[in-house]
Amino acid sequence: MFVLLFVYFLPSLIAGRRKVPNAGSVFVLNLFLGWTLIGWVIALSMAVRTVPAGSRPPGAGRMGGGAQMTFTHCGRCPPGRVRRERAAWVVEPR
């Protein structure tokens, strides 16, 4: 029984271990459609796909690390405003 559950959730385990950006989607797909062979194969392919180097935000996989915003100066607002807005939104990782 344990072996069958392990094989059933193998795509979710792989996605979690590799820290792919869509690990939650892989788990939901695996949970609800993994019993069909097509759903399991799609979940497995999503889990093992190659993740481009720049697609992971800094600190991905750590608590509170990946939610950072980037502000650029548009030329219409004063630079001090951009710094204030950035300081209000960006939380530095611990």
PDB file of N, CA and C in Angstrom:
ATOM      1  N   MET A   1       0.819  -1.192   0.000  1.00  0.00           N
ATOM      2  CA  MET A   1       0.000   0.000   0.000  1.00  0.00           C
ATOM      3  C   MET A   1       0.872   1.269   0.000  1.00  0.00           C
ATOM      4  N   PHE A   2       1.921   1.279   0.837  1.00  0.00           N
ATOM      5  CA  PHE A   2       2.819   2.427   0.909  1.00  0.00           C
ATOM      6  C   PHE A   2       3.537   2.642  -0.414  1.00  0.00           C
ATOM      7  N   VAL A   3       3.933   1.574  -1.051  1.00  0.00           N
ATOM      8  CA  VAL A   3       4.639   1.669  -2.336  1.00  0.00           C
ATOM      9  C   VAL A   3       3.718   2.270  -3.401  1.00  0.00           C
ATOM     10  N   LEU A   4       2.453   1.872  -3.405  1.00  0.00           N
ATOM     11  CA  LEU A   4       1.507   2.418  -4.378  1.00  0.00           C
ATOM     12  C   LEU A   4       1.288   3.920  -4.161  1.00  0.00           C
ATOM     13  N   LEU A   5       1.162   4.342  -2.906  1.00  0.00           N
ATOM     14  CA  LEU A   5       1.024   5.770  -2.620  1.00  0.00           C
ATOM     15  C   LEU A   5       2.281   6.544  -3.010  1.00  0.00           C
ATOM     16  N   PHE A   6       3.432   5.945  -2.773  1.00  0.00           N
ATOM     17  CA  PHE A   6       4.691   6.579  -3.153  1.00  0.00           C
ATOM     18  C   PHE A   6       4.756   6.792  -4.659  1.00  0.00           C
ATOM     19  N   VAL A   7       4.412   5.776  -5.430  1.00  0.00           N
ATOM     20  CA  VAL A   7       4.438   5.878  -6.890  1.00  0.00           C
ATOM     21  C   VAL A   7       3.376   6.864  -7.370  1.00  0.00           C
ATOM     22  N   TYR A   8       2.198   6.864  -6.731  1.00  0.00           N
ATOM     23  CA  TYR A   8       1.112   7.770  -7.118  1.00  0.00           C
ATOM     24  C   TYR A   8       1.540   9.225  -6.951  1.00  0.00           C
ATOM     25  N   PHE A   9       2.182   9.556  -5.826  1.00  0.00           N
ATOM     26  CA  PHE A   9       2.583  10.935  -5.549  1.00  0.00           C
ATOM     27  C   PHE A   9       4.025  11.235  -5.956  1.00  0.00           C
ATOM     28  N   LEU A  10       4.624  10.382  -6.741  1.00  0.00           N
ATOM     29  CA  LEU A  10       5.995  10.600  -7.195  1.00  0.00           C
ATOM     30  C   LEU A  10       6.179  11.931  -7.939  1.00  0.00           C
ATOM     31  N   PRO A  11       5.265  12.337  -8.835  1.00  0.00           N
ATOM     32  CA  PRO A  11       5.445  13.646  -9.468  1.00  0.00           C
ATOM     33  C   PRO A  11       5.454  14.808  -8.467  1.00  0.00           C
ATOM     34  N   SER A  12       4.610  14.743  -7.456  1.00  0.00           N
ATOM     35  CA  SER A  12       4.572  15.797  -6.438  1.00  0.00           C
ATOM     36  C   SER A  12       5.848  15.813  -5.615  1.00  0.00           C
ATOM     37  N   LEU A  13       6.363  14.645  -5.291  1.00  0.00           N
ATOM     38  CA  LEU A  13       7.605  14.569  -4.522  1.00  0.00           C
ATOM     39  C   LEU A  13       8.787  15.121  -5.330  1.00  0.00           C
ATOM     40  N   ILE A  14       8.819  14.806  -6.615  1.00  0.00           N
ATOM     41  CA  ILE A  14       9.892  15.304  -7.478  1.00  0.00           C
ATOM     42  C   ILE A  14       9.800  16.825  -7.592  1.00  0.00           C
ATOM     43  N   ALA A  15       8.594  17.346  -7.786  1.00  0.00           N
ATOM     44  CA  ALA A  15       8.419  18.801  -7.917  1.00  0.00           C
ATOM     45  C   ALA A  15       8.825  19.516  -6.632  1.00  0.00           C
ATOM     46  N   GLY A  16       8.490  18.963  -5.493  1.00  0.00           N
ATOM     47  CA  GLY A  16       8.879  19.572  -4.227  1.00  0.00           C
ATOM     48  C   GLY A  16      10.373  19.524  -4.001  1.00  0.00           C
ATOM     49  N   ARG A  17      10.987  18.433  -4.364  1.00  0.00           N
ATOM     50  CA  ARG A  17      12.435  18.280  -4.186  1.00  0.00           C
ATOM     51  C   ARG A  17      13.220  19.219  -5.110  1.00  0.00           C
ATOM     52  N   ARG A  18      12.729  19.377  -6.349  1.00  0.00           N
ATOM     53  CA  ARG A  18      13.418  20.233  -7.321  1.00  0.00           C
ATOM     54  C   ARG A  18      13.040  21.701  -7.173  1.00  0.00           C
ATOM     55  N   LYS A  19      12.041  22.000  -6.342  1.00  0.00           N
ATOM     56  CA  LYS A  19      11.556  23.371  -6.112  1.00  0.00           C
ATOM     57  C   LYS A  19      11.161  24.066  -7.411  1.00  0.00           C
ATOM     58  N   VAL A  20      10.382  23.361  -8.236  1.00  0.00           N
ATOM     59  CA  VAL A  20       9.898  23.968  -9.468  1.00  0.00           C
ATOM     60  C   VAL A  20       8.853  25.028  -9.124  1.00  0.00           C
ATOM     61  N   PRO A  21       8.738  26.090  -9.935  1.00  0.00           N
ATOM     62  CA  PRO A  21       7.811  27.179  -9.622  1.00  0.00           C
ATOM     63  C   PRO A  21       6.348  26.747  -9.554  1.00  0.00           C
ATOM     64  N   ASN A  22       5.972  25.714 -10.264  1.00  0.00           N
ATOM     65  CA  ASN A  22       4.575  25.282 -10.284  1.00  0.00           C
ATOM     66  C   ASN A  22       4.349  24.011  -9.459  1.00  0.00           C
ATOM     67  N   ALA A  23       5.034  23.866  -8.341  1.00  0.00           N
ATOM     68  CA  ALA A  23       4.904  22.652  -7.530  1.00  0.00           C
ATOM     69  C   ALA A  23       3.487  22.480  -6.994  1.00  0.00           C
ATOM     70  N   GLY A  24       2.816  23.575  -6.675  1.00  0.00           N
ATOM     71  CA  GLY A  24       1.429  23.490  -6.205  1.00  0.00           C
ATOM     72  C   GLY A  24       0.501  22.961  -7.278  1.00  0.00           C
ATOM     73  N   SER A  25       0.704  23.397  -8.494  1.00  0.00           N
ATOM     74  CA  SER A  25      -0.114  22.908  -9.609  1.00  0.00           C
ATOM     75  C   SER A  25       0.135  21.425  -9.868  1.00  0.00           C
ATOM     76  N   VAL A  26       1.385  21.028  -9.731  1.00  0.00           N
ATOM     77  CA  VAL A  26       1.716  19.610  -9.912  1.00  0.00           C
ATOM     78  C   VAL A  26       1.004  18.776  -8.853  1.00  0.00           C
ATOM     79  N   PHE A  27       0.996  19.249  -7.605  1.00  0.00           N
ATOM     80  CA  PHE A  27       0.344  18.497  -6.532  1.00  0.00           C
ATOM     81  C   PHE A  27      -1.159  18.383  -6.767  1.00  0.00           C
ATOM     82  N   VAL A  28      -1.809  19.497  -7.126  1.00  0.00           N
ATOM     83  CA  VAL A  28      -3.261  19.468  -7.344  1.00  0.00           C
ATOM     84  C   VAL A  28      -3.610  18.562  -8.521  1.00  0.00           C
ATOM     85  N   LEU A  29      -2.858  18.677  -9.604  1.00  0.00           N
ATOM     86  CA  LEU A  29      -3.096  17.817 -10.762  1.00  0.00           C
ATOM     87  C   LEU A  29      -2.877  16.353 -10.393  1.00  0.00           C
ATOM     88  N   ASN A  30      -1.818  16.104  -9.651  1.00  0.00           N
ATOM     89  CA  ASN A  30      -1.502  14.740  -9.235  1.00  0.00           C
ATOM     90  C   ASN A  30      -2.579  14.173  -8.300  1.00  0.00           C
ATOM     91  N   LEU A  31      -3.062  15.013  -7.396  1.00  0.00           N
ATOM     92  CA  LEU A  31      -4.068  14.571  -6.422  1.00  0.00           C
ATOM     93  C   LEU A  31      -5.383  14.199  -7.097  1.00  0.00           C
ATOM     94  N   PHE A  32      -5.856  15.072  -8.003  1.00  0.00           N
ATOM     95  CA  PHE A  32      -7.182  14.868  -8.579  1.00  0.00           C
ATOM     96  C   PHE A  32      -7.196  14.069  -9.885  1.00  0.00           C
ATOM     97  N   LEU A  33      -6.135  14.153 -10.669  1.00  0.00           N
ATOM     98  CA  LEU A  33      -6.137  13.446 -11.950  1.00  0.00           C
ATOM     99  C   LEU A  33      -5.028  12.411 -12.076  1.00  0.00           C
ATOM    100  N   GLY A  34      -4.293  12.187 -11.000  1.00  0.00           N
ATOM    101  CA  GLY A  34      -3.208  11.224 -11.047  1.00  0.00           C
ATOM    102  C   GLY A  34      -3.676   9.794 -11.247  1.00  0.00           C
ATOM    103  N   TRP A  35      -4.924   9.526 -10.905  1.00  0.00           N
ATOM    104  CA  TRP A  35      -5.437   8.161 -11.061  1.00  0.00           C
ATOM    105  C   TRP A  35      -5.583   7.790 -12.522  1.00  0.00           C
ATOM    106  N   THR A  36      -5.677   8.822 -13.394  1.00  0.00           N
ATOM    107  CA  THR A  36      -5.671   8.524 -14.831  1.00  0.00           C
ATOM    108  C   THR A  36      -4.211   8.527 -15.275  1.00  0.00           C
ATOM    109  N   LEU A  37      -3.877   7.715 -16.164  1.00  0.00           N
ATOM    110  CA  LEU A  37      -2.492   7.648 -16.633  1.00  0.00           C
ATOM    111  C   LEU A  37      -2.065   8.964 -17.279  1.00  0.00           C
ATOM    112  N   ILE A  38      -2.972   9.596 -18.007  1.00  0.00           N
ATOM    113  CA  ILE A  38      -2.647  10.860 -18.669  1.00  0.00           C
ATOM    114  C   ILE A  38      -2.354  11.956 -17.638  1.00  0.00           C
ATOM    115  N   GLY A  39      -3.175  12.068 -16.595  1.00  0.00           N
ATOM    116  CA  GLY A  39      -2.953  13.062 -15.553  1.00  0.00           C
ATOM    117  C   GLY A  39      -1.641  12.840 -14.824  1.00  0.00           C
ATOM    118  N   TRP A  40      -1.307  11.594 -14.568  1.00  0.00           N
ATOM    119  CA  TRP A  40      -0.054  11.278 -13.867  1.00  0.00           C
ATOM    120  C   TRP A  40       1.150  11.630 -14.742  1.00  0.00           C
ATOM    121  N   VAL A  41       1.077  11.321 -16.045  1.00  0.00           N
ATOM    122  CA  VAL A  41       2.185  11.624 -16.953  1.00  0.00           C
ATOM    123  C   VAL A  41       2.347  13.139 -17.117  1.00  0.00           C
ATOM    124  N   ILE A  42       1.247  13.885 -17.201  1.00  0.00           N
ATOM    125  CA  ILE A  42       1.337  15.344 -17.305  1.00  0.00           C
ATOM    126  C   ILE A  42       1.952  15.932 -16.036  1.00  0.00           C
ATOM    127  N   ALA A  43       1.521  15.445 -14.870  1.00  0.00           N
ATOM    128  CA  ALA A  43       2.095  15.921 -13.616  1.00  0.00           C
ATOM    129  C   ALA A  43       3.584  15.605 -13.542  1.00  0.00           C
ATOM    130  N   LEU A  44       3.969  14.427 -13.982  1.00  0.00           N
ATOM    131  CA  LEU A  44       5.385  14.054 -13.975  1.00  0.00           C
ATOM    132  C   LEU A  44       6.184  14.936 -14.937  1.00  0.00           C
ATOM    133  N   SER A  45       5.624  15.220 -16.106  1.00  0.00           N
ATOM    134  CA  SER A  45       6.354  16.072 -17.056  1.00  0.00           C
ATOM    135  C   SER A  45       6.479  17.502 -16.538  1.00  0.00           C
ATOM    136  N   MET A  46       5.479  18.003 -15.826  1.00  0.00           N
ATOM    137  CA  MET A  46       5.576  19.332 -15.221  1.00  0.00           C
ATOM    138  C   MET A  46       6.629  19.348 -14.114  1.00  0.00           C
ATOM    139  N   ALA A  47       6.773  18.234 -13.402  1.00  0.00           N
ATOM    140  CA  ALA A  47       7.712  18.166 -12.285  1.00  0.00           C
ATOM    141  C   ALA A  47       9.166  18.076 -12.736  1.00  0.00           C
ATOM    142  N   VAL A  48       9.410  17.454 -13.880  1.00  0.00           N
ATOM    143  CA  VAL A  48      10.796  17.239 -14.307  1.00  0.00           C
ATOM    144  C   VAL A  48      11.240  18.192 -15.404  1.00  0.00           C
ATOM    145  N   ARG A  49      10.378  19.131 -15.790  1.00  0.00           N
ATOM    146  CA  ARG A  49      10.770  20.048 -16.864  1.00  0.00           C
ATOM    147  C   ARG A  49      11.950  20.899 -16.411  1.00  0.00           C
ATOM    148  N   THR A  50      12.707  21.365 -17.372  1.00  0.00           N
ATOM    149  CA  THR A  50      13.866  22.204 -17.091  1.00  0.00           C
ATOM    150  C   THR A  50      13.389  23.601 -16.724  1.00  0.00           C
ATOM    151  N   VAL A  51      13.873  24.098 -15.607  1.00  0.00           N
ATOM    152  CA  VAL A  51      13.504  25.427 -15.139  1.00  0.00           C
ATOM    153  C   VAL A  51      14.583  26.393 -15.597  1.00  0.00           C
ATOM    154  N   PRO A  52      14.210  27.426 -16.389  1.00  0.00           N
ATOM    155  CA  PRO A  52      15.215  28.405 -16.805  1.00  0.00           C
ATOM    156  C   PRO A  52      15.860  29.080 -15.594  1.00  0.00           C
ATOM    157  N   ALA A  53      17.126  29.442 -15.723  1.00  0.00           N
ATOM    158  CA  ALA A  53      17.885  29.968 -14.592  1.00  0.00           C
ATOM    159  C   ALA A  53      17.281  31.233 -14.000  1.00  0.00           C
ATOM    160  N   GLY A  54      16.724  32.114 -14.806  1.00  0.00           N
ATOM    161  CA  GLY A  54      16.208  33.373 -14.292  1.00  0.00           C
ATOM    162  C   GLY A  54      14.764  33.324 -13.828  1.00  0.00           C
ATOM    163  N   SER A  55      14.100  32.179 -13.899  1.00  0.00           N
ATOM    164  CA  SER A  55      12.682  32.142 -13.571  1.00  0.00           C
ATOM    165  C   SER A  55      12.417  32.008 -12.078  1.00  0.00           C
ATOM    166  N   ARG A  56      13.375  31.571 -11.307  1.00  0.00           N
ATOM    167  CA  ARG A  56      13.174  31.467  -9.865  1.00  0.00           C
ATOM    168  C   ARG A  56      13.554  32.784  -9.204  1.00  0.00           C
ATOM    169  N   PRO A  57      12.648  33.316  -8.366  1.00  0.00           N
ATOM    170  CA  PRO A  57      13.018  34.537  -7.657  1.00  0.00           C
ATOM    171  C   PRO A  57      14.082  34.239  -6.609  1.00  0.00           C
ATOM    172  N   PRO A  58      14.863  35.246  -6.204  1.00  0.00           N
ATOM    173  CA  PRO A  58      15.880  34.988  -5.187  1.00  0.00           C
ATOM    174  C   PRO A  58      15.229  34.505  -3.903  1.00  0.00           C
ATOM    175  N   GLY A  59      15.770  33.472  -3.333  1.00  0.00           N
ATOM    176  CA  GLY A  59      15.232  32.938  -2.085  1.00  0.00           C
ATOM    177  C   GLY A  59      14.057  32.006  -2.276  1.00  0.00           C
ATOM    178  N   ALA A  60      13.783  31.567  -3.497  1.00  0.00           N
ATOM    179  CA  ALA A  60      12.662  30.658  -3.712  1.00  0.00           C
ATOM    180  C   ALA A  60      12.876  29.380  -2.923  1.00  0.00           C
ATOM    181  N   GLY A  61      11.821  28.929  -2.293  1.00  0.00           N
ATOM    182  CA  GLY A  61      11.910  27.727  -1.480  1.00  0.00           C
ATOM    183  C   GLY A  61      12.153  28.016  -0.017  1.00  0.00           C
ATOM    184  N   ARG A  62      12.474  29.272   0.312  1.00  0.00           N
ATOM    185  CA  ARG A  62      12.640  29.646   1.713  1.00  0.00           C
ATOM    186  C   ARG A  62      11.436  30.458   2.129  1.00  0.00           C
ATOM    187  N   MET A  63      11.064  30.368   3.374  1.00  0.00           N
ATOM    188  CA  MET A  63       9.921  31.100   3.895  1.00  0.00           C
ATOM    189  C   MET A  63      10.151  32.602   3.763  1.00  0.00           C
ATOM    190  N   GLY A  64       9.278  33.290   3.063  1.00  0.00           N
ATOM    191  CA  GLY A  64       9.338  34.735   2.942  1.00  0.00           C
ATOM    192  C   GLY A  64      10.389  35.258   1.995  1.00  0.00           C
ATOM    193  N   GLY A  65      11.022  34.424   1.189  1.00  0.00           N
ATOM    194  CA  GLY A  65      12.123  34.897   0.386  1.00  0.00           C
ATOM    195  C   GLY A  65      11.795  35.309  -1.023  1.00  0.00           C
ATOM    196  N   GLY A  66      10.753  34.801  -1.645  1.00  0.00           N
ATOM    197  CA  GLY A  66      10.575  35.034  -3.062  1.00  0.00           C
ATOM    198  C   GLY A  66       9.640  36.150  -3.445  1.00  0.00           C
ATOM    199  N   ALA A  67       9.030  36.847  -2.511  1.00  0.00           N
ATOM    200  CA  ALA A  67       8.033  37.857  -2.844  1.00  0.00           C
ATOM    201  C   ALA A  67       8.638  39.248  -2.819  1.00  0.00           C
ATOM    202  N   GLN A  68       9.441  39.552  -3.797  1.00  0.00           N
ATOM    203  CA  GLN A  68      10.043  40.870  -3.875  1.00  0.00           C
ATOM    204  C   GLN A  68       9.563  41.559  -5.142  1.00  0.00           C
ATOM    205  N   MET A  69       9.360  42.870  -5.039  1.00  0.00           N
ATOM    206  CA  MET A  69       8.929  43.660  -6.187  1.00  0.00           C
ATOM    207  C   MET A  69      10.093  44.517  -6.660  1.00  0.00           C
ATOM    208  N   THR A  70      10.120  44.785  -7.942  1.00  0.00           N
ATOM    209  CA  THR A  70      11.153  45.637  -8.498  1.00  0.00           C
ATOM    210  C   THR A  70      10.496  46.896  -9.054  1.00  0.00           C
ATOM    211  N   PHE A  71      10.968  48.048  -8.633  1.00  0.00           N
ATOM    212  CA  PHE A  71      10.457  49.312  -9.126  1.00  0.00           C
ATOM    213  C   PHE A  71      11.496  49.944 -10.043  1.00  0.00           C
ATOM    214  N   THR A  72      11.035  50.497 -11.126  1.00  0.00           N
ATOM    215  CA  THR A  72      11.935  51.227 -12.012  1.00  0.00           C
ATOM    216  C   THR A  72      11.446  52.656 -12.111  1.00  0.00           C
ATOM    217  N   HIS A  73      12.336  53.556 -12.351  1.00  0.00           N
ATOM    218  CA  HIS A  73      11.991  54.967 -12.454  1.00  0.00           C
ATOM    219  C   HIS A  73      11.404  55.231 -13.830  1.00  0.00           C
ATOM    220  N   CYS A  74      10.184  55.760 -13.856  1.00  0.00           N
ATOM    221  CA  CYS A  74       9.489  55.966 -15.125  1.00  0.00           C
ATOM    222  C   CYS A  74       9.852  57.286 -15.782  1.00  0.00           C
ATOM    223  N   GLY A  75      10.485  58.200 -15.037  1.00  0.00           N
ATOM    224  CA  GLY A  75      10.851  59.477 -15.593  1.00  0.00           C
ATOM    225  C   GLY A  75       9.842  60.572 -15.290  1.00  0.00           C
ATOM    226  N   ARG A  76       8.645  60.215 -14.882  1.00  0.00           N
ATOM    227  CA  ARG A  76       7.616  61.210 -14.581  1.00  0.00           C
ATOM    228  C   ARG A  76       7.526  61.526 -13.098  1.00  0.00           C
ATOM    229  N   CYS A  77       7.916  60.595 -12.240  1.00  0.00           N
ATOM    230  CA  CYS A  77       7.818  60.849 -10.809  1.00  0.00           C
ATOM    231  C   CYS A  77       9.215  61.095 -10.234  1.00  0.00           C
ATOM    232  N   PRO A  78       9.280  61.881  -9.177  1.00  0.00           N
ATOM    233  CA  PRO A  78      10.596  62.170  -8.593  1.00  0.00           C
ATOM    234  C   PRO A  78      11.232  60.913  -8.013  1.00  0.00           C
ATOM    235  N   PRO A  79      12.565  60.775  -8.079  1.00  0.00           N
ATOM    236  CA  PRO A  79      13.239  59.582  -7.580  1.00  0.00           C
ATOM    237  C   PRO A  79      12.968  59.295  -6.106  1.00  0.00           C
ATOM    238  N   GLY A  80      12.763  60.314  -5.289  1.00  0.00           N
ATOM    239  CA  GLY A  80      12.464  60.094  -3.869  1.00  0.00           C
ATOM    240  C   GLY A  80      11.182  59.316  -3.673  1.00  0.00           C
ATOM    241  N   ARG A  81      10.207  59.546  -4.536  1.00  0.00           N
ATOM    242  CA  ARG A  81       8.940  58.826  -4.436  1.00  0.00           C
ATOM    243  C   ARG A  81       9.130  57.343  -4.732  1.00  0.00           C
ATOM    244  N   VAL A  82       9.942  57.058  -5.722  1.00  0.00           N
ATOM    245  CA  VAL A  82      10.214  55.659  -6.059  1.00  0.00           C
ATOM    246  C   VAL A  82      10.866  54.954  -4.878  1.00  0.00           C
ATOM    247  N   ARG A  83      11.828  55.605  -4.228  1.00  0.00           N
ATOM    248  CA  ARG A  83      12.488  54.995  -3.066  1.00  0.00           C
ATOM    249  C   ARG A  83      11.499  54.768  -1.930  1.00  0.00           C
ATOM    250  N   ARG A  84      10.607  55.742  -1.687  1.00  0.00           N
ATOM    251  CA  ARG A  84       9.620  55.586  -0.610  1.00  0.00           C
ATOM    252  C   ARG A  84       8.667  54.436  -0.911  1.00  0.00           C
ATOM    253  N   GLU A  85       8.199  54.355  -2.156  1.00  0.00           N
ATOM    254  CA  GLU A  85       7.279  53.276  -2.519  1.00  0.00           C
ATOM    255  C   GLU A  85       7.966  51.921  -2.438  1.00  0.00           C
ATOM    256  N   ARG A  86       9.198  51.861  -2.880  1.00  0.00           N
ATOM    257  CA  ARG A  86       9.933  50.597  -2.798  1.00  0.00           C
ATOM    258  C   ARG A  86      10.132  50.193  -1.351  1.00  0.00           C
ATOM    259  N   ALA A  87      10.471  51.148  -0.494  1.00  0.00           N
ATOM    260  CA  ALA A  87      10.681  50.841   0.922  1.00  0.00           C
ATOM    261  C   ALA A  87       9.386  50.373   1.571  1.00  0.00           C
ATOM    262  N   ALA A  88       8.251  50.882   1.112  1.00  0.00           N
ATOM    263  CA  ALA A  88       6.971  50.481   1.695  1.00  0.00           C
ATOM    264  C   ALA A  88       6.557  49.083   1.266  1.00  0.00           C
ATOM    265  N   TRP A  89       6.971  48.629   0.077  1.00  0.00           N
ATOM    266  CA  TRP A  89       6.521  47.343  -0.443  1.00  0.00           C
ATOM    267  C   TRP A  89       7.502  46.203  -0.251  1.00  0.00           C
ATOM    268  N   VAL A  90       8.763  46.481  -0.315  1.00  0.00           N
ATOM    269  CA  VAL A  90       9.752  45.412  -0.297  1.00  0.00           C
ATOM    270  C   VAL A  90      10.139  45.100   1.138  1.00  0.00           C
ATOM    271  N   VAL A  91      10.051  43.842   1.474  1.00  0.00           N
ATOM    272  CA  VAL A  91      10.471  43.374   2.787  1.00  0.00           C
ATOM    273  C   VAL A  91      11.763  42.591   2.587  1.00  0.00           C
ATOM    274  N   GLU A  92      12.780  43.014   3.216  1.00  0.00           N
ATOM    275  CA  GLU A  92      14.076  42.340   3.073  1.00  0.00           C
ATOM    276  C   GLU A  92      14.017  40.968   3.738  1.00  0.00           C
ATOM    277  N   PRO A  93      14.607  39.935   3.129  1.00  0.00           N
ATOM    278  CA  PRO A  93      14.623  38.599   3.745  1.00  0.00           C
ATOM    279  C   PRO A  93      15.436  38.608   5.023  1.00  0.00           C
ATOM    280  N   ARG A  94      15.014  37.764   5.931  1.00  0.00           N
ATOM    281  CA  ARG A  94      15.695  37.672   7.227  1.00  0.00           C
ATOM    282  C   ARG A  94      16.956  36.891   7.134  1.00  0.00           C
TER     283      ARG A  94
END
